[in-house]
Amino acid sequence: MTRLTAEFWVQAYLARLRFQEIPAFVVAHGDDTAGAVLVKLNTLDGQAVAYQREYNLMTGERAWSELASGAEMDVDAAIARQRGFDPDLWVIEVEDRQGRHLLRDEGLE
């Protein structure tokens, strides 16, 4: 199975968000081919959630899981720690008062 590059996935994700009129932007540009992606959902009320993609070795499935949630400053600190471990990491910030991020939609899981 061919794997998508990180840059291709990020661009497709941003396009899907734009189509739904959900503002989003790249906070950190990671490695174009193999960088991992974190998605920060900012609900514009001082709260945020950061999602990371995990790989299940037993089933071979990939799924989005919560890395951190709570006050936006705390979520930003968790993301900064992750970037300290992985300089190739992409960070996408989604801003939506309704909490929409589309990560569980078909094609993005």
Protein backbone atom coordinates (compact mmCIF):
# COMPACT_ATOMS: atom_id res chain seq x y z
CA MET A 1 0.00 0.00 0.00
CA THR A 2 1.34 3.41 -0.97
CA ARG A 3 1.67 5.88 1.86
CA LEU A 4 0.79 9.55 1.42
CA THR A 5 3.44 12.11 2.19
CA ALA A 6 2.84 14.29 5.22
CA GLU A 7 2.68 17.43 3.08
CA PHE A 8 0.06 15.91 0.76
CA TRP A 9 -2.10 14.83 3.73
CA VAL A 10 -1.82 18.27 5.36
CA GLN A 11 -2.81 20.06 2.16
CA ALA A 12 -5.79 17.72 1.65
CA TYR A 13 -6.86 18.20 5.28
CA LEU A 14 -6.65 22.01 5.01
CA ALA A 15 -8.69 21.90 1.78
CA ARG A 16 -11.38 19.79 3.44
CA LEU A 17 -11.54 22.23 6.36
CA ARG A 18 -11.79 25.21 3.97
CA PHE A 19 -14.65 23.47 2.16
CA GLN A 20 -16.52 23.31 5.49
CA GLU A 21 -15.54 26.95 6.23
CA ILE A 22 -13.46 25.94 9.26
CA PRO A 23 -10.40 28.17 9.69
CA ALA A 24 -7.09 26.32 9.99
CA PHE A 25 -3.43 27.04 9.43
CA VAL A 26 0.01 25.47 9.66
CA VAL A 27 1.74 26.44 12.92
CA ALA A 28 4.82 24.29 12.34
CA HIS A 29 5.94 22.91 8.98
CA GLY A 30 7.41 19.46 9.52
CA ASP A 31 9.20 17.07 7.21
CA ASP A 32 7.43 17.02 3.84
CA THR A 33 7.61 13.27 3.35
CA ALA A 34 7.53 11.53 6.71
CA GLY A 35 6.74 14.09 9.40
CA ALA A 36 4.13 13.22 12.00
CA VAL A 37 1.11 15.55 12.30
CA LEU A 38 -0.48 17.06 15.42
CA VAL A 39 -3.81 18.85 15.16
CA LYS A 40 -4.69 21.48 17.74
CA LEU A 41 -8.38 22.30 18.01
CA ASN A 42 -8.84 25.80 19.45
CA THR A 43 -12.45 26.42 20.48
CA LEU A 44 -11.74 30.14 20.95
CA ASP A 45 -12.87 30.13 24.58
CA GLY A 46 -9.47 29.60 26.17
CA GLN A 47 -9.71 25.82 25.77
CA ALA A 48 -8.02 23.53 23.28
CA VAL A 49 -7.40 19.88 22.44
CA ALA A 50 -4.37 18.42 20.69
CA TYR A 51 -4.75 15.23 18.65
CA GLN A 52 -2.02 12.87 17.48
CA ARG A 53 -2.13 9.90 15.16
CA GLU A 54 -1.36 6.55 16.74
CA TYR A 55 -0.55 3.24 15.11
CA ASN A 56 -1.90 0.03 16.62
CA LEU A 57 0.75 -2.67 16.18
CA MET A 58 -1.74 -5.46 16.83
CA THR A 59 -4.34 -4.44 14.24
CA GLY A 60 -2.31 -2.26 11.90
CA GLU A 61 -4.90 0.51 12.22
CA ARG A 62 -4.17 4.19 12.59
CA ALA A 63 -6.43 6.35 14.75
CA TRP A 64 -6.48 9.87 16.15
CA SER A 65 -6.13 10.10 19.92
CA GLU A 66 -6.08 12.97 22.35
CA LEU A 67 -2.59 14.12 23.33
CA ALA A 68 -3.68 16.94 25.65
CA SER A 69 -6.78 18.96 26.47
CA GLY A 70 -7.70 21.83 28.73
CA ALA A 71 -6.49 25.40 28.94
CA GLU A 72 -4.98 26.53 25.65
CA MET A 73 -1.69 27.46 27.35
CA ASP A 74 -1.35 23.91 28.72
CA VAL A 75 -2.09 22.36 25.34
CA ASP A 76 0.46 24.66 23.71
CA ALA A 77 3.04 23.55 26.30
CA ALA A 78 2.33 19.87 25.50
CA ILE A 79 2.76 20.58 21.79
CA ALA A 80 6.03 22.42 22.46
CA ARG A 81 7.32 19.38 24.37
CA GLN A 82 6.43 17.12 21.43
CA ARG A 83 8.21 19.48 19.02
CA GLY A 84 11.25 19.30 21.30
CA PHE A 85 11.33 15.51 20.79
CA ASP A 86 10.47 15.62 17.09
CA PRO A 87 11.64 18.60 15.00
CA ASP A 88 10.00 17.04 11.90
CA LEU A 89 6.54 17.40 13.47
CA TRP A 90 3.76 19.27 11.66
CA VAL A 91 1.32 21.26 13.81
CA ILE A 92 -2.02 22.31 12.35
CA GLU A 93 -4.27 24.67 14.32
CA VAL A 94 -8.01 24.48 13.70
CA GLU A 95 -10.20 27.27 15.09
CA ASP A 96 -13.83 26.35 15.57
CA ARG A 97 -16.22 27.35 18.35
CA GLN A 98 -18.32 24.24 17.64
CA GLY A 99 -15.34 21.93 18.15
CA ARG A 100 -15.28 20.58 14.59
CA HIS A 101 -11.99 19.10 13.40
CA LEU A 102 -13.17 16.45 10.87
CA LEU A 103 -10.49 13.95 11.94
CA ARG A 104 -13.03 11.18 12.33
CA ASP A 105 -14.46 11.75 8.86
CA GLU A 106 -13.93 9.12 6.18
CA GLY A 107 -10.53 9.44 4.57
CA LEU A 108 -8.96 11.24 7.51
CA GLU A 109 -9.06 8.47 10.10
